[in-house]
Amino acid sequence: MNHGPAFRWRKSSFSSSGAECVEVASAGRGAVRDSKNPDGPTIRTDLHALVCAAKAGRFDH
């Protein structure tokens, strides 16, 4: 699902090595998508809360 010009997608600087990554966009609440599938599904989320959870290790296995 392409969200058109309302979303300005940004990719991590670490993705230049060809690594798999996600992209984020700030438009209202925010969104996340898989960089390998830019026309695929997106997750609308509070980006600040997502970053805080990642930094706290809540997504570690």
N, C-alpha and C. Protein backbone atom coordinates (compact mmCIF):
# COMPACT_ATOMS: atom_id res chain seq x y z
N MET A 1 0.86 -1.17 0.00
CA MET A 1 0.00 0.00 0.00
C MET A 1 0.90 1.23 0.00
N ASN A 2 0.93 1.94 -1.08
CA ASN A 2 1.76 3.14 -1.18
C ASN A 2 0.97 4.32 -0.64
N HIS A 3 1.56 5.04 0.30
CA HIS A 3 0.85 6.15 0.93
C HIS A 3 1.12 7.48 0.26
N GLY A 4 1.80 7.48 -0.88
CA GLY A 4 2.00 8.68 -1.66
C GLY A 4 2.77 9.77 -0.95
N PRO A 5 2.54 11.01 -1.34
CA PRO A 5 3.34 12.12 -0.86
C PRO A 5 3.11 12.48 0.61
N ALA A 6 2.07 11.96 1.24
CA ALA A 6 1.82 12.28 2.64
C ALA A 6 2.92 11.71 3.54
N PHE A 7 3.59 10.67 3.08
CA PHE A 7 4.66 10.05 3.85
C PHE A 7 6.01 10.33 3.21
N ARG A 8 6.96 10.71 4.05
CA ARG A 8 8.33 10.92 3.60
C ARG A 8 9.18 9.87 4.30
N TRP A 9 9.47 8.80 3.59
CA TRP A 9 10.14 7.64 4.17
C TRP A 9 11.63 7.88 4.34
N ARG A 10 12.17 7.41 5.47
CA ARG A 10 13.60 7.50 5.76
C ARG A 10 14.12 6.13 6.13
N LYS A 11 15.31 5.83 5.63
CA LYS A 11 15.95 4.55 5.90
C LYS A 11 17.17 4.79 6.78
N SER A 12 17.50 3.84 7.60
CA SER A 12 18.67 3.93 8.47
C SER A 12 19.94 4.10 7.65
N SER A 13 20.89 4.85 8.18
CA SER A 13 22.18 5.01 7.50
C SER A 13 22.93 3.69 7.43
N PHE A 14 22.61 2.74 8.31
CA PHE A 14 23.24 1.42 8.29
C PHE A 14 22.77 0.58 7.11
N SER A 15 21.70 0.97 6.44
CA SER A 15 21.16 0.17 5.34
C SER A 15 22.01 0.29 4.08
N SER A 16 22.95 1.22 4.02
CA SER A 16 23.78 1.37 2.84
C SER A 16 24.64 0.15 2.58
N SER A 17 24.82 -0.69 3.58
CA SER A 17 25.61 -1.92 3.41
C SER A 17 24.80 -3.03 2.77
N GLY A 18 23.54 -2.75 2.43
CA GLY A 18 22.68 -3.76 1.82
C GLY A 18 21.93 -4.59 2.84
N ALA A 19 22.07 -4.25 4.10
CA ALA A 19 21.39 -5.01 5.14
C ALA A 19 19.89 -4.80 5.07
N GLU A 20 19.15 -5.80 5.55
CA GLU A 20 17.71 -5.67 5.63
C GLU A 20 17.37 -4.66 6.72
N CYS A 21 16.38 -3.83 6.47
CA CYS A 21 16.03 -2.83 7.47
C CYS A 21 14.57 -2.40 7.30
N VAL A 22 14.17 -1.53 8.16
CA VAL A 22 12.85 -0.92 8.06
C VAL A 22 13.03 0.55 7.74
N GLU A 23 11.97 1.16 7.24
CA GLU A 23 11.95 2.58 6.97
C GLU A 23 10.87 3.20 7.85
N VAL A 24 11.06 4.44 8.25
CA VAL A 24 10.07 5.14 9.05
C VAL A 24 9.64 6.41 8.33
N ALA A 25 8.42 6.83 8.63
CA ALA A 25 7.88 8.07 8.07
C ALA A 25 7.14 8.81 9.17
N SER A 26 7.29 10.11 9.16
CA SER A 26 6.56 10.95 10.11
C SER A 26 5.49 11.73 9.35
N ALA A 27 4.29 11.38 9.58
CA ALA A 27 3.14 12.09 9.02
C ALA A 27 2.01 11.83 9.99
N GLY A 28 1.76 12.78 10.85
CA GLY A 28 0.80 12.52 11.91
C GLY A 28 1.45 11.66 12.96
N ARG A 29 0.95 10.48 13.15
CA ARG A 29 1.45 9.57 14.18
C ARG A 29 2.76 8.90 13.79
N GLY A 30 2.91 8.51 12.57
CA GLY A 30 4.12 7.83 12.09
C GLY A 30 3.79 6.48 11.50
N ALA A 31 4.75 5.93 10.77
CA ALA A 31 4.56 4.64 10.13
C ALA A 31 5.90 3.95 9.97
N VAL A 32 5.85 2.61 9.85
CA VAL A 32 7.03 1.78 9.65
C VAL A 32 6.70 0.80 8.53
N ARG A 33 7.70 0.52 7.67
CA ARG A 33 7.50 -0.48 6.61
C ARG A 33 8.81 -1.21 6.36
N ASP A 34 8.72 -2.33 5.67
CA ASP A 34 9.88 -3.13 5.29
C ASP A 34 10.51 -2.49 4.06
N SER A 35 11.80 -2.20 4.12
CA SER A 35 12.46 -1.53 2.99
C SER A 35 12.50 -2.39 1.73
N LYS A 36 12.43 -3.72 1.88
CA LYS A 36 12.45 -4.60 0.72
C LYS A 36 11.10 -4.65 0.01
N ASN A 37 10.05 -4.18 0.67
CA ASN A 37 8.70 -4.24 0.10
C ASN A 37 8.00 -2.90 0.30
N PRO A 38 8.45 -1.84 -0.38
CA PRO A 38 7.90 -0.51 -0.14
C PRO A 38 6.42 -0.36 -0.48
N ASP A 39 5.89 -1.24 -1.30
CA ASP A 39 4.46 -1.17 -1.62
C ASP A 39 3.63 -2.11 -0.75
N GLY A 40 4.28 -2.79 0.18
CA GLY A 40 3.60 -3.72 1.07
C GLY A 40 2.95 -3.02 2.24
N PRO A 41 2.58 -3.78 3.25
CA PRO A 41 1.87 -3.21 4.40
C PRO A 41 2.75 -2.26 5.23
N THR A 42 2.10 -1.36 5.91
CA THR A 42 2.78 -0.46 6.84
C THR A 42 2.13 -0.59 8.21
N ILE A 43 2.89 -0.23 9.22
CA ILE A 43 2.38 -0.22 10.58
C ILE A 43 2.33 1.23 11.03
N ARG A 44 1.15 1.70 11.38
CA ARG A 44 1.00 3.06 11.93
C ARG A 44 1.23 2.97 13.42
N THR A 45 2.10 3.82 13.95
CA THR A 45 2.46 3.73 15.36
C THR A 45 2.97 5.05 15.90
N ASP A 46 3.10 5.13 17.18
CA ASP A 46 3.74 6.26 17.85
C ASP A 46 5.25 6.00 17.76
N LEU A 47 5.95 6.74 16.91
CA LEU A 47 7.37 6.49 16.68
C LEU A 47 8.21 6.70 17.94
N HIS A 48 7.87 7.67 18.74
CA HIS A 48 8.62 7.91 19.97
C HIS A 48 8.54 6.69 20.89
N ALA A 49 7.35 6.16 21.07
CA ALA A 49 7.17 4.98 21.92
C ALA A 49 7.90 3.77 21.34
N LEU A 50 7.89 3.62 20.03
CA LEU A 50 8.58 2.51 19.38
C LEU A 50 10.08 2.59 19.61
N VAL A 51 10.66 3.77 19.43
CA VAL A 51 12.10 3.95 19.64
C VAL A 51 12.47 3.71 21.11
N CYS A 52 11.67 4.21 22.02
CA CYS A 52 11.93 3.99 23.45
C CYS A 52 11.90 2.50 23.79
N ALA A 53 10.95 1.78 23.25
CA ALA A 53 10.85 0.34 23.50
C ALA A 53 12.05 -0.40 22.92
N ALA A 54 12.48 -0.01 21.73
CA ALA A 54 13.66 -0.66 21.12
C ALA A 54 14.92 -0.40 21.94
N LYS A 55 15.09 0.84 22.38
CA LYS A 55 16.27 1.18 23.19
C LYS A 55 16.27 0.46 24.53
N ALA A 56 15.09 0.18 25.05
CA ALA A 56 14.97 -0.53 26.33
C ALA A 56 15.14 -2.03 26.17
N GLY A 57 15.28 -2.52 24.94
CA GLY A 57 15.49 -3.94 24.70
C GLY A 57 14.23 -4.77 24.69
N ARG A 58 13.09 -4.15 24.56
CA ARG A 58 11.83 -4.90 24.62
C ARG A 58 11.60 -5.81 23.43
N PHE A 59 12.40 -5.66 22.37
CA PHE A 59 12.23 -6.52 21.19
C PHE A 59 13.34 -7.55 21.07
N ASP A 60 14.23 -7.59 22.06
CA ASP A 60 15.32 -8.58 22.05
C ASP A 60 14.75 -9.97 22.34
N HIS A 61 15.36 -10.95 21.76
CA HIS A 61 14.90 -12.33 21.96
C HIS A 61 15.48 -12.88 23.22
